[in-house]
Amino acid sequence: MAHVRTDVQAGRQVQGRKPPGWGDDRLAAFLDVASDNVLGTYAQVRPQYDTVLQVDSAYVRFMENLLNPGDPVAPLFVLQAHASYRAAAGLAISCQPSPAFMVMRGCLESSLYGLYFHRNPATFEVWTRRHESDQAKQRVKDEFTTRRLKDCLAQVDASTEEAVARLYEKTIDFGAHPNVAALAGAFRTASAADRYQFQVIYLTKEPEVIRGTLKSVAQAGVCSLLIFRNVFPERFDLLGITDTLRDLRGRL
């Protein structure tokens, strides 16, 4: 099952040089700094990066061996969860903690949806018909509540549901929803004789924040894969992913 698209040739063409005009605007300047942060974080917090990589490798190992799955829907959500996991890792390593927590929440939700459809296959058609009418949209809202998704997990794996519930709330506290805790961590003020200015730090320099965010990314990936183990237990066991998750869970 294909899960990654990269244009290697295009990457080689721009490697080592910037296209004309790049860096002349504030967005490009911001992206340049974020890109530089990736290399700096990799060098300075390598243990946390290696843990994130170990989780990523477990996703890849599963997907590269996902041949003829009995459930045709859940694998789509494994791919979506992995895409969100990598996006969260990218944001965390580029020193953008609050956006990283937003994407971690998406990783968890994709995983919960994948399990829910596996356990309730008839609801997949309800979900796909969301935009057919106002009534169909409301039916989706009624069917796919966060509480119902978590309850579905609790019925088959109570310990994982407890871990997911804690981490889900943490993602909200640290940025998945606008809230005081997330804003307070990045909020600053600057005053001068003639003005008082509000600032929000987009790119953190705090090592502990960076380490903590990367740890949360790894936890999100572990929780996601633990959810999917309830869909593909034999494959996880055969590929050694169950053992990997047990080890990671003990360290995180």
C-alpha atoms as a PDB file:
ATOM      1  CA  MET A   1       0.000   0.000   0.000  1.00  0.00           C
ATOM      2  CA  ALA A   2       1.540   3.308  -1.092  1.00  0.00           C
ATOM      3  CA  HIS A   3       1.625   5.852   1.692  1.00  0.00           C
ATOM      4  CA  VAL A   4       4.235   8.468   0.796  1.00  0.00           C
ATOM      5  CA  ARG A   5       4.730  10.555  -2.339  1.00  0.00           C
ATOM      6  CA  THR A   6       8.006  12.372  -2.803  1.00  0.00           C
ATOM      7  CA  ASP A   7       9.448  14.090  -5.845  1.00  0.00           C
ATOM      8  CA  VAL A   8      13.118  13.203  -5.451  1.00  0.00           C
ATOM      9  CA  GLN A   9      14.227  14.807  -8.710  1.00  0.00           C
ATOM     10  CA  ALA A  10      12.599  18.131  -7.888  1.00  0.00           C
ATOM     11  CA  GLY A  11      14.193  18.031  -4.455  1.00  0.00           C
ATOM     12  CA  ARG A  12      17.630  17.517  -5.978  1.00  0.00           C
ATOM     13  CA  GLN A  13      17.139  20.443  -8.343  1.00  0.00           C
ATOM     14  CA  VAL A  14      16.558  22.946  -5.542  1.00  0.00           C
ATOM     15  CA  GLN A  15      18.914  21.413  -2.999  1.00  0.00           C
ATOM     16  CA  GLY A  16      21.633  23.865  -2.062  1.00  0.00           C
ATOM     17  CA  ARG A  17      20.077  26.882  -3.781  1.00  0.00           C
ATOM     18  CA  LYS A  18      16.988  29.012  -3.301  1.00  0.00           C
ATOM     19  CA  PRO A  19      14.547  29.973  -6.030  1.00  0.00           C
ATOM     20  CA  PRO A  20      14.488  33.654  -7.071  1.00  0.00           C
ATOM     21  CA  GLY A  21      12.552  35.774  -4.614  1.00  0.00           C
ATOM     22  CA  TRP A  22      12.619  33.252  -1.772  1.00  0.00           C
ATOM     23  CA  GLY A  23      13.130  34.964   1.562  1.00  0.00           C
ATOM     24  CA  ASP A  24      11.970  38.377   0.383  1.00  0.00           C
ATOM     25  CA  ASP A  25       8.716  38.218   2.345  1.00  0.00           C
ATOM     26  CA  ARG A  26       7.923  37.570   5.974  1.00  0.00           C
ATOM     27  CA  LEU A  27       6.291  34.185   5.408  1.00  0.00           C
ATOM     28  CA  ALA A  28       9.348  32.845   3.598  1.00  0.00           C
ATOM     29  CA  ALA A  29      11.599  34.278   6.302  1.00  0.00           C
ATOM     30  CA  PHE A  30       9.544  32.514   8.968  1.00  0.00           C
ATOM     31  CA  LEU A  31       9.667  29.230   7.072  1.00  0.00           C
ATOM     32  CA  ASP A  32      13.430  29.566   6.691  1.00  0.00           C
ATOM     33  CA  VAL A  33      13.867  29.934  10.443  1.00  0.00           C
ATOM     34  CA  ALA A  34      11.541  27.002  11.098  1.00  0.00           C
ATOM     35  CA  SER A  35      13.542  24.904   8.651  1.00  0.00           C
ATOM     36  CA  ASP A  36      16.791  25.837  10.372  1.00  0.00           C
ATOM     37  CA  ASN A  37      15.221  24.870  13.684  1.00  0.00           C
ATOM     38  CA  VAL A  38      14.685  21.331  12.410  1.00  0.00           C
ATOM     39  CA  LEU A  39      18.422  20.760  12.096  1.00  0.00           C
ATOM     40  CA  GLY A  40      19.175  22.471  15.388  1.00  0.00           C
ATOM     41  CA  THR A  41      16.586  20.429  17.271  1.00  0.00           C
ATOM     42  CA  TYR A  42      17.818  17.220  15.667  1.00  0.00           C
ATOM     43  CA  ALA A  43      21.336  17.946  16.896  1.00  0.00           C
ATOM     44  CA  GLN A  44      20.421  19.128  20.394  1.00  0.00           C
ATOM     45  CA  VAL A  45      17.595  16.803  21.463  1.00  0.00           C
ATOM     46  CA  ARG A  46      18.574  13.643  19.613  1.00  0.00           C
ATOM     47  CA  PRO A  47      17.192  11.194  22.232  1.00  0.00           C
ATOM     48  CA  GLN A  48      13.683  12.628  21.856  1.00  0.00           C
ATOM     49  CA  TYR A  49      13.994  12.609  18.079  1.00  0.00           C
ATOM     50  CA  ASP A  50      15.113   8.972  18.126  1.00  0.00           C
ATOM     51  CA  THR A  51      12.009   8.004  20.107  1.00  0.00           C
ATOM     52  CA  VAL A  52       9.772   9.817  17.615  1.00  0.00           C
ATOM     53  CA  LEU A  53      11.617   7.995  14.830  1.00  0.00           C
ATOM     54  CA  GLN A  54      11.090   4.631  16.518  1.00  0.00           C
ATOM     55  CA  VAL A  55       7.338   5.223  16.576  1.00  0.00           C
ATOM     56  CA  ASP A  56       7.403   6.337  12.944  1.00  0.00           C
ATOM     57  CA  SER A  57       9.293   3.174  12.008  1.00  0.00           C
ATOM     58  CA  ALA A  58       6.555   1.085  13.629  1.00  0.00           C
ATOM     59  CA  TYR A  59       3.947   2.796  11.438  1.00  0.00           C
ATOM     60  CA  VAL A  60       6.070   2.186   8.331  1.00  0.00           C
ATOM     61  CA  ARG A  61       6.731  -1.452   9.223  1.00  0.00           C
ATOM     62  CA  PHE A  62       3.008  -2.063   9.559  1.00  0.00           C
ATOM     63  CA  MET A  63       2.014  -0.320   6.343  1.00  0.00           C
ATOM     64  CA  GLU A  64       4.728  -1.916   4.244  1.00  0.00           C
ATOM     65  CA  ASN A  65       3.401  -5.310   5.297  1.00  0.00           C
ATOM     66  CA  LEU A  66      -0.299  -4.483   5.035  1.00  0.00           C
ATOM     67  CA  LEU A  67      -1.247  -6.829   2.196  1.00  0.00           C
ATOM     68  CA  ASN A  68      -4.827  -7.959   1.575  1.00  0.00           C
ATOM     69  CA  PRO A  69      -6.284  -6.527   4.801  1.00  0.00           C
ATOM     70  CA  GLY A  70      -9.596  -8.017   5.807  1.00  0.00           C
ATOM     71  CA  ASP A  71     -10.876  -4.563   6.749  1.00  0.00           C
ATOM     72  CA  PRO A  72     -10.723  -2.232   3.716  1.00  0.00           C
ATOM     73  CA  VAL A  73     -11.547   0.945   5.647  1.00  0.00           C
ATOM     74  CA  ALA A  74      -9.325   0.960   8.728  1.00  0.00           C
ATOM     75  CA  PRO A  75      -6.070   1.027   6.696  1.00  0.00           C
ATOM     76  CA  LEU A  76      -7.128   4.362   5.216  1.00  0.00           C
ATOM     77  CA  PHE A  77      -7.241   5.789   8.716  1.00  0.00           C
ATOM     78  CA  VAL A  78      -3.870   4.273   9.590  1.00  0.00           C
ATOM     79  CA  LEU A  79      -2.459   6.279   6.689  1.00  0.00           C
ATOM     80  CA  GLN A  80      -4.277   9.422   7.786  1.00  0.00           C
ATOM     81  CA  ALA A  81      -3.093   8.995  11.379  1.00  0.00           C
ATOM     82  CA  HIS A  82       0.485   8.486  10.213  1.00  0.00           C
ATOM     83  CA  ALA A  83       0.310  11.594   8.032  1.00  0.00           C
ATOM     84  CA  SER A  84      -0.861  13.587  11.053  1.00  0.00           C
ATOM     85  CA  TYR A  85       1.840  12.022  13.210  1.00  0.00           C
ATOM     86  CA  ARG A  86       4.556  13.116  10.799  1.00  0.00           C
ATOM     87  CA  ALA A  87       3.050  16.597  10.551  1.00  0.00           C
ATOM     88  CA  ALA A  88       3.059  16.869  14.345  1.00  0.00           C
ATOM     89  CA  ALA A  89       6.666  15.681  14.431  1.00  0.00           C
ATOM     90  CA  GLY A  90       7.617  18.306  11.851  1.00  0.00           C
ATOM     91  CA  LEU A  91       5.957  21.082  13.810  1.00  0.00           C
ATOM     92  CA  ALA A  92       7.494  19.944  17.081  1.00  0.00           C
ATOM     93  CA  ILE A  93      11.014  19.652  15.733  1.00  0.00           C
ATOM     94  CA  SER A  94      10.722  23.065  14.056  1.00  0.00           C
ATOM     95  CA  CYS A  95       9.822  24.476  17.512  1.00  0.00           C
ATOM     96  CA  GLN A  96       6.099  25.142  16.971  1.00  0.00           C
ATOM     97  CA  PRO A  97       4.508  23.498  20.030  1.00  0.00           C
ATOM     98  CA  SER A  98       0.900  24.737  19.942  1.00  0.00           C
ATOM     99  CA  PRO A  99       0.275  23.808  16.275  1.00  0.00           C
ATOM    100  CA  ALA A 100       1.934  20.445  16.954  1.00  0.00           C
ATOM    101  CA  PHE A 101      -0.676  19.680  19.611  1.00  0.00           C
ATOM    102  CA  MET A 102      -3.441  20.577  17.160  1.00  0.00           C
ATOM    103  CA  VAL A 103      -2.172  17.928  14.758  1.00  0.00           C
ATOM    104  CA  MET A 104      -1.603  15.373  17.523  1.00  0.00           C
ATOM    105  CA  ARG A 105      -5.288  15.612  18.274  1.00  0.00           C
ATOM    106  CA  GLY A 106      -6.013  14.865  14.613  1.00  0.00           C
ATOM    107  CA  CYS A 107      -3.785  11.795  14.807  1.00  0.00           C
ATOM    108  CA  LEU A 108      -5.754  10.459  17.764  1.00  0.00           C
ATOM    109  CA  GLU A 109      -9.103  11.219  16.159  1.00  0.00           C
ATOM    110  CA  SER A 110      -8.203   9.464  12.903  1.00  0.00           C
ATOM    111  CA  SER A 111      -7.221   6.406  14.922  1.00  0.00           C
ATOM    112  CA  LEU A 112     -10.459   6.444  16.905  1.00  0.00           C
ATOM    113  CA  TYR A 113     -12.471   6.731  13.689  1.00  0.00           C
ATOM    114  CA  GLY A 114     -10.597   3.791  12.182  1.00  0.00           C
ATOM    115  CA  LEU A 115     -11.455   1.580  15.158  1.00  0.00           C
ATOM    116  CA  TYR A 116     -15.061   2.791  15.232  1.00  0.00           C
ATOM    117  CA  PHE A 117     -15.627   1.908  11.594  1.00  0.00           C
ATOM    118  CA  HIS A 118     -14.036  -1.486  12.153  1.00  0.00           C
ATOM    119  CA  ARG A 119     -16.397  -2.192  15.023  1.00  0.00           C
ATOM    120  CA  ASN A 120     -19.423  -0.518  13.392  1.00  0.00           C
ATOM    121  CA  PRO A 121     -19.000  -0.996   9.617  1.00  0.00           C
ATOM    122  CA  ALA A 122     -22.526   0.155   8.746  1.00  0.00           C
ATOM    123  CA  THR A 123     -21.705   3.654   9.998  1.00  0.00           C
ATOM    124  CA  PHE A 124     -19.132   4.178   7.245  1.00  0.00           C
ATOM    125  CA  GLU A 125     -21.907   4.829   4.738  1.00  0.00           C
ATOM    126  CA  VAL A 126     -23.471   7.329   7.145  1.00  0.00           C
ATOM    127  CA  TRP A 127     -20.127   9.132   7.296  1.00  0.00           C
ATOM    128  CA  THR A 128     -19.636   9.189   3.519  1.00  0.00           C
ATOM    129  CA  ARG A 129     -23.097  10.714   2.979  1.00  0.00           C
ATOM    130  CA  ARG A 130     -22.411  13.688   5.230  1.00  0.00           C
ATOM    131  CA  HIS A 131     -22.857  16.329   2.519  1.00  0.00           C
ATOM    132  CA  GLU A 132     -25.986  14.946   0.887  1.00  0.00           C
ATOM    133  CA  SER A 133     -28.374  16.949   3.052  1.00  0.00           C
ATOM    134  CA  ASP A 134     -28.715  18.831   6.310  1.00  0.00           C
ATOM    135  CA  GLN A 135     -30.311  15.731   7.805  1.00  0.00           C
ATOM    136  CA  ALA A 136     -27.361  13.585   6.723  1.00  0.00           C
ATOM    137  CA  LYS A 137     -24.896  16.067   8.227  1.00  0.00           C
ATOM    138  CA  GLN A 138     -26.788  16.048  11.525  1.00  0.00           C
ATOM    139  CA  ARG A 139     -26.823  12.264  11.554  1.00  0.00           C
ATOM    140  CA  VAL A 140     -23.037  12.260  11.257  1.00  0.00           C
ATOM    141  CA  LYS A 141     -22.750  14.756  14.112  1.00  0.00           C
ATOM    142  CA  ASP A 142     -24.987  12.590  16.266  1.00  0.00           C
ATOM    143  CA  GLU A 143     -23.179   9.354  15.409  1.00  0.00           C
ATOM    144  CA  PHE A 144     -19.549  10.427  15.665  1.00  0.00           C
ATOM    145  CA  THR A 145     -19.244  12.174  18.985  1.00  0.00           C
ATOM    146  CA  THR A 146     -15.915  12.115  20.783  1.00  0.00           C
ATOM    147  CA  ARG A 147     -17.545  10.361  23.721  1.00  0.00           C
ATOM    148  CA  ARG A 148     -18.930   7.611  21.491  1.00  0.00           C
ATOM    149  CA  LEU A 149     -15.581   7.083  19.794  1.00  0.00           C
ATOM    150  CA  LYS A 150     -13.804   6.810  23.144  1.00  0.00           C
ATOM    151  CA  ASP A 151     -16.476   4.475  24.509  1.00  0.00           C
ATOM    152  CA  CYS A 152     -15.935   2.203  21.537  1.00  0.00           C
ATOM    153  CA  LEU A 153     -12.247   1.957  22.418  1.00  0.00           C
ATOM    154  CA  ALA A 154     -12.995   1.471  26.125  1.00  0.00           C
ATOM    155  CA  GLN A 155     -15.148  -1.555  25.309  1.00  0.00           C
ATOM    156  CA  VAL A 156     -12.228  -3.409  23.727  1.00  0.00           C
ATOM    157  CA  ASP A 157      -9.152  -1.861  25.386  1.00  0.00           C
ATOM    158  CA  ALA A 158      -9.814   0.037  28.602  1.00  0.00           C
ATOM    159  CA  SER A 159      -6.159   0.734  29.442  1.00  0.00           C
ATOM    160  CA  THR A 160      -5.473   2.274  26.041  1.00  0.00           C
ATOM    161  CA  GLU A 161      -8.662   4.335  26.302  1.00  0.00           C
ATOM    162  CA  GLU A 162      -7.433   5.771  29.595  1.00  0.00           C
ATOM    163  CA  ALA A 163      -4.113   6.761  28.030  1.00  0.00           C
ATOM    164  CA  VAL A 164      -5.821   8.218  24.960  1.00  0.00           C
ATOM    165  CA  ALA A 165      -8.271  10.204  27.091  1.00  0.00           C
ATOM    166  CA  ARG A 166      -5.442  11.756  29.117  1.00  0.00           C
ATOM    167  CA  LEU A 167      -3.407  12.639  26.049  1.00  0.00           C
ATOM    168  CA  TYR A 168      -6.461  13.955  24.197  1.00  0.00           C
ATOM    169  CA  GLU A 169      -7.133  16.376  27.042  1.00  0.00           C
ATOM    170  CA  LYS A 170      -3.464  17.357  27.067  1.00  0.00           C
ATOM    171  CA  THR A 171      -3.595  18.250  23.362  1.00  0.00           C
ATOM    172  CA  ILE A 172      -6.528  20.530  24.084  1.00  0.00           C
ATOM    173  CA  ASP A 173      -4.774  22.113  27.066  1.00  0.00           C
ATOM    174  CA  PHE A 174      -1.629  22.844  25.058  1.00  0.00           C
ATOM    175  CA  GLY A 175      -3.092  24.180  21.856  1.00  0.00           C
ATOM    176  CA  ALA A 176      -5.650  21.977  20.082  1.00  0.00           C
ATOM    177  CA  HIS A 177      -8.306  24.431  21.330  1.00  0.00           C
ATOM    178  CA  PRO A 178      -7.806  28.118  22.113  1.00  0.00           C
ATOM    179  CA  ASN A 179      -7.300  28.199  25.870  1.00  0.00           C
ATOM    180  CA  VAL A 180      -5.478  30.021  28.638  1.00  0.00           C
ATOM    181  CA  ALA A 181      -2.678  27.464  29.160  1.00  0.00           C
ATOM    182  CA  ALA A 182      -1.622  27.405  25.514  1.00  0.00           C
ATOM    183  CA  LEU A 183      -1.769  31.176  25.153  1.00  0.00           C
ATOM    184  CA  ALA A 184       0.010  31.860  28.425  1.00  0.00           C
ATOM    185  CA  GLY A 185       2.998  29.815  27.354  1.00  0.00           C
ATOM    186  CA  ALA A 186       3.570  31.932  24.257  1.00  0.00           C
ATOM    187  CA  PHE A 187       2.164  35.306  25.315  1.00  0.00           C
ATOM    188  CA  ARG A 188       4.516  38.225  25.907  1.00  0.00           C
ATOM    189  CA  THR A 189       4.177  41.998  26.240  1.00  0.00           C
ATOM    190  CA  ALA A 190       6.591  44.761  25.306  1.00  0.00           C
ATOM    191  CA  SER A 191       6.273  48.313  26.509  1.00  0.00           C
ATOM    192  CA  ALA A 192       7.969  51.551  25.601  1.00  0.00           C
ATOM    193  CA  ALA A 193       7.382  55.169  26.447  1.00  0.00           C
ATOM    194  CA  ASP A 194       4.720  55.608  23.796  1.00  0.00           C
ATOM    195  CA  ARG A 195       3.258  52.140  23.288  1.00  0.00           C
ATOM    196  CA  TYR A 196       2.275  48.806  24.824  1.00  0.00           C
ATOM    197  CA  GLN A 197       2.567  45.837  22.451  1.00  0.00           C
ATOM    198  CA  PHE A 198       1.179  42.299  22.616  1.00  0.00           C
ATOM    199  CA  GLN A 199       3.284  39.459  21.226  1.00  0.00           C
ATOM    200  CA  VAL A 200       2.811  35.734  20.692  1.00  0.00           C
ATOM    201  CA  ILE A 201       5.896  33.601  20.208  1.00  0.00           C
ATOM    202  CA  TYR A 202       5.446  31.366  17.157  1.00  0.00           C
ATOM    203  CA  LEU A 203       8.794  29.562  17.455  1.00  0.00           C
ATOM    204  CA  THR A 204       9.913  28.634  20.946  1.00  0.00           C
ATOM    205  CA  LYS A 205      13.513  28.632  22.119  1.00  0.00           C
ATOM    206  CA  GLU A 206      12.783  26.771  25.358  1.00  0.00           C
ATOM    207  CA  PRO A 207      14.595  23.390  25.358  1.00  0.00           C
ATOM    208  CA  GLU A 208      12.214  21.836  27.875  1.00  0.00           C
ATOM    209  CA  VAL A 209       9.200  22.869  25.804  1.00  0.00           C
ATOM    210  CA  ILE A 210      10.759  21.345  22.691  1.00  0.00           C
ATOM    211  CA  ARG A 211      11.654  18.112  24.487  1.00  0.00           C
ATOM    212  CA  GLY A 212       8.227  17.892  26.076  1.00  0.00           C
ATOM    213  CA  THR A 213       6.440  18.466  22.788  1.00  0.00           C
ATOM    214  CA  LEU A 214       8.478  15.758  21.056  1.00  0.00           C
ATOM    215  CA  LYS A 215       7.689  13.385  23.917  1.00  0.00           C
ATOM    216  CA  SER A 216       3.988  14.134  23.449  1.00  0.00           C
ATOM    217  CA  VAL A 217       4.301  13.463  19.712  1.00  0.00           C
ATOM    218  CA  ALA A 218       5.777  10.040  20.462  1.00  0.00           C
ATOM    219  CA  GLN A 219       2.989   9.376  22.974  1.00  0.00           C
ATOM    220  CA  ALA A 220       0.368  10.302  20.371  1.00  0.00           C
ATOM    221  CA  GLY A 221       1.896   7.860  17.907  1.00  0.00           C
ATOM    222  CA  VAL A 222       2.031   5.076  20.481  1.00  0.00           C
ATOM    223  CA  CYS A 223      -1.599   5.682  21.450  1.00  0.00           C
ATOM    224  CA  SER A 224      -2.608   5.704  17.800  1.00  0.00           C
ATOM    225  CA  LEU A 225      -0.886   2.393  17.110  1.00  0.00           C
ATOM    226  CA  LEU A 226      -2.296   0.843  20.297  1.00  0.00           C
ATOM    227  CA  ILE A 227      -5.758   1.753  19.020  1.00  0.00           C
ATOM    228  CA  PHE A 228      -5.065   0.085  15.674  1.00  0.00           C
ATOM    229  CA  ARG A 229      -3.701  -3.009  17.367  1.00  0.00           C
ATOM    230  CA  ASN A 230      -7.329  -3.736  18.264  1.00  0.00           C
ATOM    231  CA  VAL A 231      -8.044  -3.922  14.528  1.00  0.00           C
ATOM    232  CA  PHE A 232      -4.957  -5.869  13.405  1.00  0.00           C
ATOM    233  CA  PRO A 233      -3.719  -7.809  16.480  1.00  0.00           C
ATOM    234  CA  GLU A 234      -2.184 -10.733  14.601  1.00  0.00           C
ATOM    235  CA  ARG A 235      -0.232  -8.513  12.203  1.00  0.00           C
ATOM    236  CA  PHE A 236       1.041  -6.343  15.024  1.00  0.00           C
ATOM    237  CA  ASP A 237       2.217  -9.432  16.913  1.00  0.00           C
ATOM    238  CA  LEU A 238       3.800 -11.043  13.855  1.00  0.00           C
ATOM    239  CA  LEU A 239       5.677  -7.876  12.879  1.00  0.00           C
ATOM    240  CA  GLY A 240       6.961  -7.294  16.397  1.00  0.00           C
ATOM    241  CA  ILE A 241       5.045  -4.019  16.681  1.00  0.00           C
ATOM    242  CA  THR A 242       3.257  -5.178  19.828  1.00  0.00           C
ATOM    243  CA  ASP A 243       6.617  -5.682  21.537  1.00  0.00           C
ATOM    244  CA  THR A 244       7.831  -2.295  20.267  1.00  0.00           C
ATOM    245  CA  LEU A 245       4.757  -0.577  21.658  1.00  0.00           C
ATOM    246  CA  ARG A 246       5.135  -2.328  24.997  1.00  0.00           C
ATOM    247  CA  ASP A 247       8.709  -1.071  25.253  1.00  0.00           C
ATOM    248  CA  LEU A 248       7.813   2.457  24.168  1.00  0.00           C
ATOM    249  CA  ARG A 249       4.866   2.661  26.514  1.00  0.00           C
ATOM    250  CA  GLY A 250       7.089   1.706  29.415  1.00  0.00           C
ATOM    251  CA  ARG A 251       9.556   4.488  28.556  1.00  0.00           C
ATOM    252  CA  LEU A 252       7.000   7.224  27.799  1.00  0.00           C
END
